[in-house]
Amino acid sequence: DFAEGNIHHKALLISVTVCSILLVLIIIFCYFRYKRQEARPRYSIGLEQDETYIPPGESLKDLIEQSQSSGSGSGLPLLVRK
């Protein structure tokens, strides 16, 4: 009976140790991943940037015409109300 209880204690000790080690490794992994994301520069679109989204030589009207004439569902609708 004593030997059987000793085995249960050893099994409990081993499982608690393994789970604790895994938990510490997961926490370390998450910490370094968070730090790496924090160090990476963020790309934000703000009003202070001088980027133009309309290519030179094209107007807004050209871009609207291109978006209406290409892709799925382009063209006139089948049912047009009068």
N, C-alpha and C. Protein backbone atom coordinates (compact mmCIF):
# COMPACT_ATOMS: atom_id res chain seq x y z
N ASP A 1 0.84 -1.19 0.00
CA ASP A 1 0.00 0.00 0.00
C ASP A 1 0.88 1.25 0.00
N PHE A 2 1.98 1.20 0.76
CA PHE A 2 2.87 2.35 0.83
C PHE A 2 3.55 2.61 -0.52
N ALA A 3 3.93 1.54 -1.22
CA ALA A 3 4.60 1.68 -2.51
C ALA A 3 3.64 2.27 -3.54
N GLU A 4 2.37 1.89 -3.47
CA GLU A 4 1.38 2.41 -4.42
C GLU A 4 1.16 3.91 -4.20
N GLY A 5 1.11 4.35 -2.97
CA GLY A 5 0.96 5.78 -2.66
C GLY A 5 2.19 6.56 -3.10
N ASN A 6 3.35 5.96 -2.96
CA ASN A 6 4.58 6.60 -3.37
C ASN A 6 4.59 6.81 -4.89
N ILE A 7 4.06 5.86 -5.64
CA ILE A 7 3.99 5.98 -7.10
C ILE A 7 3.06 7.13 -7.48
N HIS A 8 1.94 7.25 -6.78
CA HIS A 8 1.01 8.34 -7.06
C HIS A 8 1.65 9.70 -6.79
N HIS A 9 2.43 9.78 -5.72
CA HIS A 9 3.12 11.04 -5.41
C HIS A 9 4.14 11.38 -6.50
N LYS A 10 4.87 10.35 -6.95
CA LYS A 10 5.86 10.59 -8.01
C LYS A 10 5.16 11.03 -9.30
N ALA A 11 4.06 10.39 -9.65
CA ALA A 11 3.33 10.74 -10.87
C ALA A 11 2.79 12.17 -10.77
N LEU A 12 2.27 12.52 -9.61
CA LEU A 12 1.76 13.88 -9.40
C LEU A 12 2.90 14.89 -9.50
N LEU A 13 4.02 14.61 -8.88
CA LEU A 13 5.16 15.51 -8.92
C LEU A 13 5.68 15.69 -10.36
N ILE A 14 5.76 14.61 -11.10
CA ILE A 14 6.24 14.68 -12.49
C ILE A 14 5.27 15.49 -13.35
N SER A 15 3.98 15.23 -13.21
CA SER A 15 3.00 15.94 -14.04
C SER A 15 2.95 17.44 -13.69
N VAL A 16 3.03 17.77 -12.42
CA VAL A 16 3.05 19.18 -12.02
C VAL A 16 4.31 19.86 -12.54
N THR A 17 5.43 19.19 -12.49
CA THR A 17 6.69 19.75 -12.99
C THR A 17 6.62 19.99 -14.49
N VAL A 18 6.14 19.01 -15.24
CA VAL A 18 6.05 19.14 -16.69
C VAL A 18 5.08 20.27 -17.06
N CYS A 19 3.94 20.34 -16.42
CA CYS A 19 2.98 21.41 -16.70
C CYS A 19 3.54 22.77 -16.35
N SER A 20 4.27 22.86 -15.26
CA SER A 20 4.87 24.14 -14.88
C SER A 20 5.91 24.58 -15.90
N ILE A 21 6.73 23.66 -16.35
CA ILE A 21 7.75 23.99 -17.35
C ILE A 21 7.09 24.45 -18.65
N LEU A 22 6.03 23.74 -19.08
CA LEU A 22 5.32 24.13 -20.30
C LEU A 22 4.69 25.51 -20.16
N LEU A 23 4.12 25.79 -19.02
CA LEU A 23 3.51 27.10 -18.78
C LEU A 23 4.56 28.21 -18.85
N VAL A 24 5.71 27.99 -18.24
CA VAL A 24 6.78 28.99 -18.28
C VAL A 24 7.27 29.19 -19.71
N LEU A 25 7.41 28.13 -20.48
CA LEU A 25 7.85 28.25 -21.87
C LEU A 25 6.83 29.01 -22.71
N ILE A 26 5.56 28.76 -22.50
CA ILE A 26 4.51 29.48 -23.24
C ILE A 26 4.52 30.96 -22.89
N ILE A 27 4.69 31.28 -21.62
CA ILE A 27 4.74 32.68 -21.20
C ILE A 27 5.96 33.38 -21.80
N ILE A 28 7.10 32.72 -21.81
CA ILE A 28 8.31 33.31 -22.41
C ILE A 28 8.12 33.53 -23.90
N PHE A 29 7.53 32.55 -24.60
CA PHE A 29 7.28 32.68 -26.03
C PHE A 29 6.36 33.87 -26.32
N CYS A 30 5.29 34.00 -25.56
CA CYS A 30 4.35 35.11 -25.76
C CYS A 30 5.00 36.45 -25.46
N TYR A 31 5.84 36.49 -24.45
CA TYR A 31 6.53 37.74 -24.09
C TYR A 31 7.44 38.20 -25.22
N PHE A 32 8.26 37.29 -25.76
CA PHE A 32 9.17 37.67 -26.82
C PHE A 32 8.42 38.01 -28.11
N ARG A 33 7.33 37.34 -28.37
CA ARG A 33 6.53 37.66 -29.55
C ARG A 33 5.91 39.05 -29.40
N TYR A 34 5.43 39.37 -28.22
CA TYR A 34 4.87 40.70 -27.95
C TYR A 34 5.94 41.78 -28.11
N LYS A 35 7.12 41.53 -27.58
CA LYS A 35 8.21 42.50 -27.69
C LYS A 35 8.62 42.70 -29.14
N ARG A 36 8.64 41.64 -29.93
CA ARG A 36 9.01 41.75 -31.34
C ARG A 36 7.96 42.57 -32.10
N GLN A 37 6.69 42.36 -31.79
CA GLN A 37 5.63 43.13 -32.44
C GLN A 37 5.71 44.60 -32.04
N GLU A 38 6.05 44.85 -30.80
CA GLU A 38 6.14 46.22 -30.31
C GLU A 38 7.30 46.96 -30.98
N ALA A 39 8.38 46.26 -31.28
CA ALA A 39 9.55 46.88 -31.89
C ALA A 39 9.34 47.13 -33.38
N ARG A 40 8.44 46.41 -34.01
CA ARG A 40 8.19 46.56 -35.43
C ARG A 40 7.48 47.89 -35.69
N PRO A 41 7.90 48.63 -36.72
CA PRO A 41 7.25 49.92 -36.99
C PRO A 41 5.81 49.72 -37.47
N ARG A 42 4.96 50.59 -37.03
CA ARG A 42 3.56 50.52 -37.42
C ARG A 42 3.35 51.40 -38.64
N TYR A 43 2.54 50.89 -39.57
CA TYR A 43 2.21 51.66 -40.76
C TYR A 43 0.81 52.21 -40.58
N SER A 44 0.73 53.51 -40.47
CA SER A 44 -0.56 54.14 -40.30
C SER A 44 -0.78 55.15 -41.41
N ILE A 45 -2.00 55.24 -41.85
CA ILE A 45 -2.36 56.20 -42.88
C ILE A 45 -2.91 57.42 -42.16
N GLY A 46 -2.19 58.49 -42.23
CA GLY A 46 -2.61 59.71 -41.55
C GLY A 46 -2.64 60.87 -42.52
N LEU A 47 -3.19 61.97 -42.07
CA LEU A 47 -3.26 63.15 -42.90
C LEU A 47 -1.90 63.82 -43.08
N GLU A 48 -0.95 63.51 -42.20
CA GLU A 48 0.34 64.14 -42.28
C GLU A 48 1.22 63.56 -43.38
N GLN A 49 0.84 62.43 -43.96
CA GLN A 49 1.64 61.82 -45.01
C GLN A 49 1.33 62.49 -46.35
N ASP A 50 2.34 62.64 -47.18
CA ASP A 50 2.18 63.29 -48.47
C ASP A 50 2.06 62.28 -49.60
N GLU A 51 1.45 61.16 -49.36
CA GLU A 51 1.29 60.15 -50.40
C GLU A 51 0.01 60.42 -51.17
N THR A 52 0.10 60.27 -52.49
CA THR A 52 -1.11 60.40 -53.30
C THR A 52 -1.55 59.01 -53.70
N TYR A 53 -2.83 58.80 -53.71
CA TYR A 53 -3.37 57.49 -54.04
C TYR A 53 -3.89 57.46 -55.47
N ILE A 54 -3.90 58.59 -56.15
CA ILE A 54 -4.26 58.64 -57.57
C ILE A 54 -2.95 58.75 -58.34
N PRO A 55 -2.68 57.78 -59.21
CA PRO A 55 -1.43 57.83 -59.96
C PRO A 55 -1.35 59.07 -60.85
N PRO A 56 -0.16 59.56 -61.13
CA PRO A 56 -0.02 60.73 -61.98
C PRO A 56 -0.56 60.44 -63.39
N GLY A 57 -1.23 61.39 -63.96
CA GLY A 57 -1.78 61.23 -65.30
C GLY A 57 -3.20 60.68 -65.31
N GLU A 58 -3.74 60.33 -64.15
CA GLU A 58 -5.12 59.83 -64.07
C GLU A 58 -5.92 60.75 -63.18
N SER A 59 -7.20 60.81 -63.48
CA SER A 59 -8.08 61.63 -62.65
C SER A 59 -8.99 60.73 -61.83
N LEU A 60 -9.72 61.32 -60.93
CA LEU A 60 -10.66 60.56 -60.13
C LEU A 60 -11.74 59.94 -61.00
N LYS A 61 -12.13 60.65 -62.05
CA LYS A 61 -13.14 60.14 -62.98
C LYS A 61 -12.64 58.87 -63.66
N ASP A 62 -11.36 58.84 -64.06
CA ASP A 62 -10.78 57.65 -64.68
C ASP A 62 -10.82 56.46 -63.74
N LEU A 63 -10.48 56.69 -62.49
CA LEU A 63 -10.49 55.60 -61.51
C LEU A 63 -11.90 55.06 -61.29
N ILE A 64 -12.90 55.95 -61.26
CA ILE A 64 -14.28 55.51 -61.07
C ILE A 64 -14.75 54.69 -62.26
N GLU A 65 -14.38 55.12 -63.48
CA GLU A 65 -14.76 54.37 -64.67
C GLU A 65 -14.11 52.99 -64.69
N GLN A 66 -12.86 52.90 -64.26
CA GLN A 66 -12.18 51.61 -64.22
C GLN A 66 -12.83 50.67 -63.22
N SER A 67 -13.24 51.21 -62.08
CA SER A 67 -13.82 50.34 -61.05
C SER A 67 -15.21 49.87 -61.44
N GLN A 68 -15.91 50.62 -62.29
CA GLN A 68 -17.25 50.21 -62.71
C GLN A 68 -17.22 49.26 -63.89
N SER A 69 -16.12 49.23 -64.63
CA SER A 69 -16.10 48.42 -65.84
C SER A 69 -15.35 47.11 -65.68
N SER A 70 -14.88 46.79 -64.50
CA SER A 70 -14.15 45.55 -64.34
C SER A 70 -14.64 44.81 -63.09
N GLY A 71 -14.46 43.53 -63.13
CA GLY A 71 -14.81 42.73 -61.96
C GLY A 71 -16.16 42.09 -62.07
N SER A 72 -16.48 41.28 -61.10
CA SER A 72 -17.74 40.56 -61.07
C SER A 72 -18.89 41.52 -60.80
N GLY A 73 -19.97 41.37 -61.52
CA GLY A 73 -21.13 42.21 -61.31
C GLY A 73 -21.05 43.54 -62.01
N SER A 74 -20.08 43.68 -62.93
CA SER A 74 -19.96 44.95 -63.63
C SER A 74 -21.00 45.02 -64.75
N GLY A 75 -21.20 46.20 -65.23
CA GLY A 75 -22.16 46.39 -66.31
C GLY A 75 -23.48 46.86 -65.76
N LEU A 76 -24.45 46.95 -66.67
CA LEU A 76 -25.78 47.42 -66.28
C LEU A 76 -26.54 46.35 -65.54
N PRO A 77 -27.33 46.73 -64.56
CA PRO A 77 -28.13 45.72 -63.86
C PRO A 77 -29.24 45.21 -64.78
N LEU A 78 -29.70 43.99 -64.52
CA LEU A 78 -30.74 43.38 -65.35
C LEU A 78 -32.06 44.10 -65.19
N LEU A 79 -32.40 44.49 -63.99
CA LEU A 79 -33.66 45.17 -63.73
C LEU A 79 -33.38 46.64 -63.46
N VAL A 80 -33.85 47.48 -64.34
CA VAL A 80 -33.65 48.91 -64.18
C VAL A 80 -35.01 49.55 -63.96
N ARG A 81 -35.15 50.29 -62.87
CA ARG A 81 -36.42 50.96 -62.59
C ARG A 81 -36.51 52.22 -63.42
N LYS A 82 -37.75 52.52 -63.86
CA LYS A 82 -37.96 53.77 -64.62
C LYS A 82 -38.75 54.74 -63.81
